[in-house]
Amino acid sequence: MNTPLNVITLPLAQNNIIEASAGTGKTYTMVTLYLRLLLQAGENNFPTPLDIEQILVVTFTRDATRELRQRIRERTQSWLKLLESYQQNRDKSEIKDNELLALLPYLEDHLALAIQRLSFACEYIDKAAIFTIHGFCQRILRQYAFDSGLGFKFELSEQNQEQLRQVNYQLWRDKFYSISAEQAQIVRQVFVSPDKLFKQNERLLTGELPKIKQALPFTDISAGLDYYQQQLQQFQRLEQQYLAEFIDWFKQYEANLNQQRSKSKKFTDYFDAVISATTTIEQRIALAEKLLPIYFKKNKEVELPTFVVEMEHFLQQFSQNDFCQKMHYLYVAELRQRIFEYQDNHNEKQFDDLLRMLRDVLQKPSAHKLIALIRQQYPFAMIDEFQDTDPVQLAIFSKIYLQAVTNETTTGFTVIGDPKQAIYRFRGADIFTYLSIKDSSEQHQAIEHIYTLQRNYRSSAKLIESINNLFLNAKNPFYLDEIEFIPVEAAQQTSAFYVEGQAQKAWQLLQLAQDENKSVTMEIMAQAFASHLQQLLIASQQGNAYFCADGQEQQAVSAKDIAILVRNGKESDIIRRALTQKGIASVYLSERSNVFTSVAAKDLYRILRACLTPFNERAVLAAVGCTLWGLTADQIYQLKQNETEWAALIERLLHYQTVWQTQGVLPMLYQLFQAEQIPLRLQQFDFSERYLVDLLHLSELLQQAMNQQQNEEALLNWFELQLSGNSDNEENRLRLEREQNVVSIITIHKSKGLEYPLVCLPFILNSASNRKETFGFYHDEQKQLVWDLHHQQTEKVEQEAKAEEMRLLYVALTRAKYQLIVGVPATFNAINNKSRKWDSKKLTALDYLLLGGQQHAEQKEVSYTTLLTKTLVDNYEIQKVTEADDMRFQMKVVTPSHLSARQFHQNIEKNWRVTSFSALQAKLQALYGEHLSDNAQDYSDNAIEIDDEETAPSVMPLSIYPPHFTPFDLPKGAGVGSVLHAFLEKLDFTQPLKTPSLQTLCQYLGLDEQWLEPLRIWFSNILQQPLPEMGCLANVASTDKLTEMQFYLKLGNLFNQQQFNQILSQYHPLYDQQHPVQIEEIQGVIRGFVDLVVRQNGKYYLIDYKSNFLGDGIEYYQPEKLAKAISSQRYDLQYLIYSLALHRYLKWRDPNYRYATDFGGVFYLFLRGMAVQNNAQTGVYFTKPSVELIEKLDQLWGE
């Protein structure tokens, strides 16, 4: 049961689904929920406020993450200003945000804290946990590298289709290069080529492989080829055994076969093929499959010959189409395995690999710890566009949030989507995966509630009413019982679109006078729409076409207010040609073509070839004859006859070659375009704008590629390879010709989430569900994807295609704010133009709705207009399509105002910078020549020489370690320190050390497994070593520690070294042992990472790990030796900076915090020295800076 959503009272600490119909403010709702969590406001919230890094938001595109982050930033800033104003004057009337006004009672008692949290969120919004699904997986796999067992050794790259193609080529070679000629012929028939095979099955190479319901007659590709040959031989035997009898029978009973000439002619063709020596067995089987079922039915009066009976039996057992699908299934399964093996054996990972890797990690029996860590890090997760999820993504979030876990962390999981807008099946999205999450099953905790957003803020009231009526007209409009259409109400009651002072209907229908074939219909519709938009824009220029939104001024209609929705580039080309003929500028926003496949690319290649080989006559003629240079055949003839002009041309080409060689290809091309007047020549063509944009784009790509090529010839060879268009690089996609004040043409798929005042649907009557698919897929009762290899579930396959078509229609109809302009046929598509017979398979989605969900033949007598009136009532107007006139629309030319850059008059603080302790340490090393070694995160593992007269021999027992396997025998170097830090960062101190984690540690330290037990002993001692006042690390729960706390310590004023040294001399006990700090004045922030902050016994402790090698015995790690190491390395500066940063942070988080009583102190743990447990505190340096010192530094670096 769906419940209307109340965003103020929605329980956040539970599992929810929010279904947001188009235009109902989904993003606005998500931001409101985000701010509720941030402020702990509203009913049914979390027990404590959540930080921006604890609220996980996952979307499916990078653009969506950027938009959502910006929307959160803007709304947070708005709430902050409103609350700050309210805090001063307590005037609620100034708060215009309804949600904030409703939440105000929850914030009254801690208004200052709410303002503080909003301020912090505004400042650090870039740290918010807002990711794409791939970004989230990457973050988890890297952050929990030890817990996942995958380590750090993988590099992320864009989806590299070329890499997958190479794996495909290798599989093709392995399988087919050694087969016989007969089997090669089968391969060509089934697969055609490796490229076509890859293209056909590309979307099946990621995600889950569809199931199959029946066992295959063969288990691999080689066996399949043998099986096919056996079937051909069986067919041949049938022909040899019974064909003569069949021929005699056919001649005798030919007149009785069928009285219809057309069918008789087809069967005679089959008979001729059977007895012909030129047809192949495959061709004869195909003809038999097609024609025998039509002509030989069981109710025939004639007795069927044995050949027909045996052939019927044969075709029941064998189908070429089924065989083809089975072979494709086996090939895809093996190709997937090859791809996964390749990816597992290489460090370079692609985006989809991350999902599979995390899914597999979470399904391991040992994953409970990792799941608990993720839930602790992200107690609340909000997943956007969940209707576009797939089984792998669901498995990830189900494991983390929906399945029962043992830890007691309060969590919330909310998914937001709209199943009516699930239109990305071709990308692997699976609406049935979304629907399965609603089920309360053994695999999932029950979703507590399903909520809906039921108020539309996009469209006018009349348009919403008409769409509600249309979808309510059918009992089950989306074909699936789980997808319910719930009518929405309009937020804008008076918004309207006016022409000539008359409010326009919500639907403007352009109806064909009579139905034609598809290609003719599309041309007629394109011309009709172009004429209609032309008249509309002319009316707007005269001030007679405008929009009037609720409470806003009139806005004239312009080209940018119009969107034309199409299915593909072919439809776009048709409508763009029609618009161009009418003088209407447009841009195709869904262009995915490769610029290297454009006409401009081929022409530019010819030009470059001519410049590089100017004495090659054929190359030069090819260049001057292409569109780019533009000479006619007559001009080329005259050029060849005139030696002076020809010589001048060669001279120019030589000059361009010199510029290319000395300055680069881009300067050369720009010079050529200008000197040869290329832009001026192109103006004569309608496509000049597109062509010129492509030229400039290609010129840039050539300049970039030039740096990777040895010379000009190599660059030209590279260019020639690119002309195949196989590269999937995003940079190669065609760019937009223009973006300002043009009609937008966009595919329905890409239009999802967008809105336009006027939306045109010229070709919506072209149903894609009638398209003959190569392979059939459907979902079974468990909502799992099945490959219909045996064509036994054709009805389910067709129904799912129609359901997708209906969802596509819903998306298209819900983009408009004021009006839909729709092309409709004269009669239903299901009526054959010639025979007038009814074919329900040809019904479009719009037809289905108008017919009330009925598909029966008796509906054919109902007129299209009658059903429109019944469904849309008075919210439509019909305009019959007539022959278009030749008038062109002249767009007003707006002269741009003179622009000049703003002048910057403020001073830039040149000393302001972000620095770190490492940078300060390096300056001191350069100044005093001391051995100071560390890096940005203090992971140094270098040896430190301590000047000491005499060091007593080791007296501490190291017998617990095997010889040469003590911590002092570990490798040295910065890399060792990094690995040890990462291991301790992920380690749960309260749990026993696990062998898999130690094995991973050995792997990254380059150690064999003989080190497993020594490492276990060492880390056990580290965790059990008593620390002054605090106790041992083994007692520190995960909830009482913060690892790798990053901070930016604001200096406030210039770094004054004189005052700094004076403060140290008065309050710092190590000052007398050190040189004064001498660093030039700086201003800005100090950035750092605190290894560990611990809360124990009511106090906070700062802990830093040091893996430095001080000596090969415990005696080198006594407290007095450590004090000298601290002083010589100036680690004291580090812990003073870190202590001040933690002090400021704790003051901000806790109003009752006091340094004297709540700050426990600083531990520097020299890990090698903690090799054995003892009371002498070997390896442990402890101190607590005085209150006076911290306060003085806080004042010096005042906030």
Foldseek 3Di string as FASTA:
>chain_A
DAAADDLQAPQFLFFEEEEEAPQLCPLVSVLLNLLCLQQVFHHNYDPDRDALQQEAEAEADPVVLVVSLVVNLVVLVVLLVVLVVCVVVVDLVVDPDPSCSVRVVVCVVPSVVSSLSSVVCNVPSVSGNYYYLLRVLVCLCAQPVLLLLPHDQAAEDADFVVVLLVLLVVVCCVPPVPDDPLLVVVCCVLQVDSVSLCVQCVLCLFDDHFAADDDDPDDALVVLSVVVVVLLVVLVVLCVVCVVVQVVVCVVCLCQQDPDPVLSVLVVVLNCLSPDPPDDSVVNLVSCVVRLVPRDDPPRPDDDGPSSVVNVVSVVVDDPLLSSLVNSSNSSVVSSVSVVVVQVVDRYDYSSVSLVSLLVSLPDPSCLVSLVVSCVSHQEYEYEALLQAAPSSCSNVQSNPWDDHDDDRRHGYYYYHHVLQHQVVVNVGANLVVLLLCDPDPSGHHRPHYYYSAERAFAEQLLLVLVLLLQVLAPCLLLDPSHDDDRHGYPWHPKFKFAQRDTAFQEEEAEAPADDDDVVLLLLLLLLVLQVVLVQQVRLVVVGIWIDTPPDDTGGDFQALEEEADADPVSVVSNCVSNVLQVAFEKEPAFFAFLLQDLLLVLVLLLLVCLVPVVPVVSVLSNCVGQQNPDDPVRSVVCVVDPVNSVVVSVVSPVLNVCCQPPNQLVSVVVVCVVSVRLVSLVVDSCSLQSVQSNNLVSVVLRVCVVVADGSVRSSVVSVVCSVVPGNDPSRTRDISDDPRHHYYYYLSVCQPAAHAEYEHSPLLQAPLLDDRSWFWAADPSRGIHTCSPCPPVVRRSSVSLSSQSSSVSSRSSRHHHHYYYYDYFFAQQQDPPPRFGDLSSGGSSNCSLVNNDSDRVCRVPGPVVSCCVRSPPSYDYDYRDDHDSHHRDDDDDDDDDDDDDDDDDDDDPQADEAAVQVLLVVVCVVPVFPADADQARLAAAEDEFDDPDFDDFPDDPVVDDPCQALLNQDHGSQLSVLVLSLVLNDFLQDQDDQSSLVSSCVSSVHDCVNSVLVSLLVVLQQQAQDPPFGGNNPFGPVFKDAFDKDWAALQDKDDQVLLLVLCVVFPPLSVVADRRDDPIHGHTYIHTQGMWGQGPQAIEGEAEHQYNHDDHLSCQQQVNVVSVCSSNVCVVVVLVVVLRVVVVCVSVDVPDDCVPHHDWYWYANSSNSRHHDPRCGRIHTDHGDPSSSVSSCVSSDD
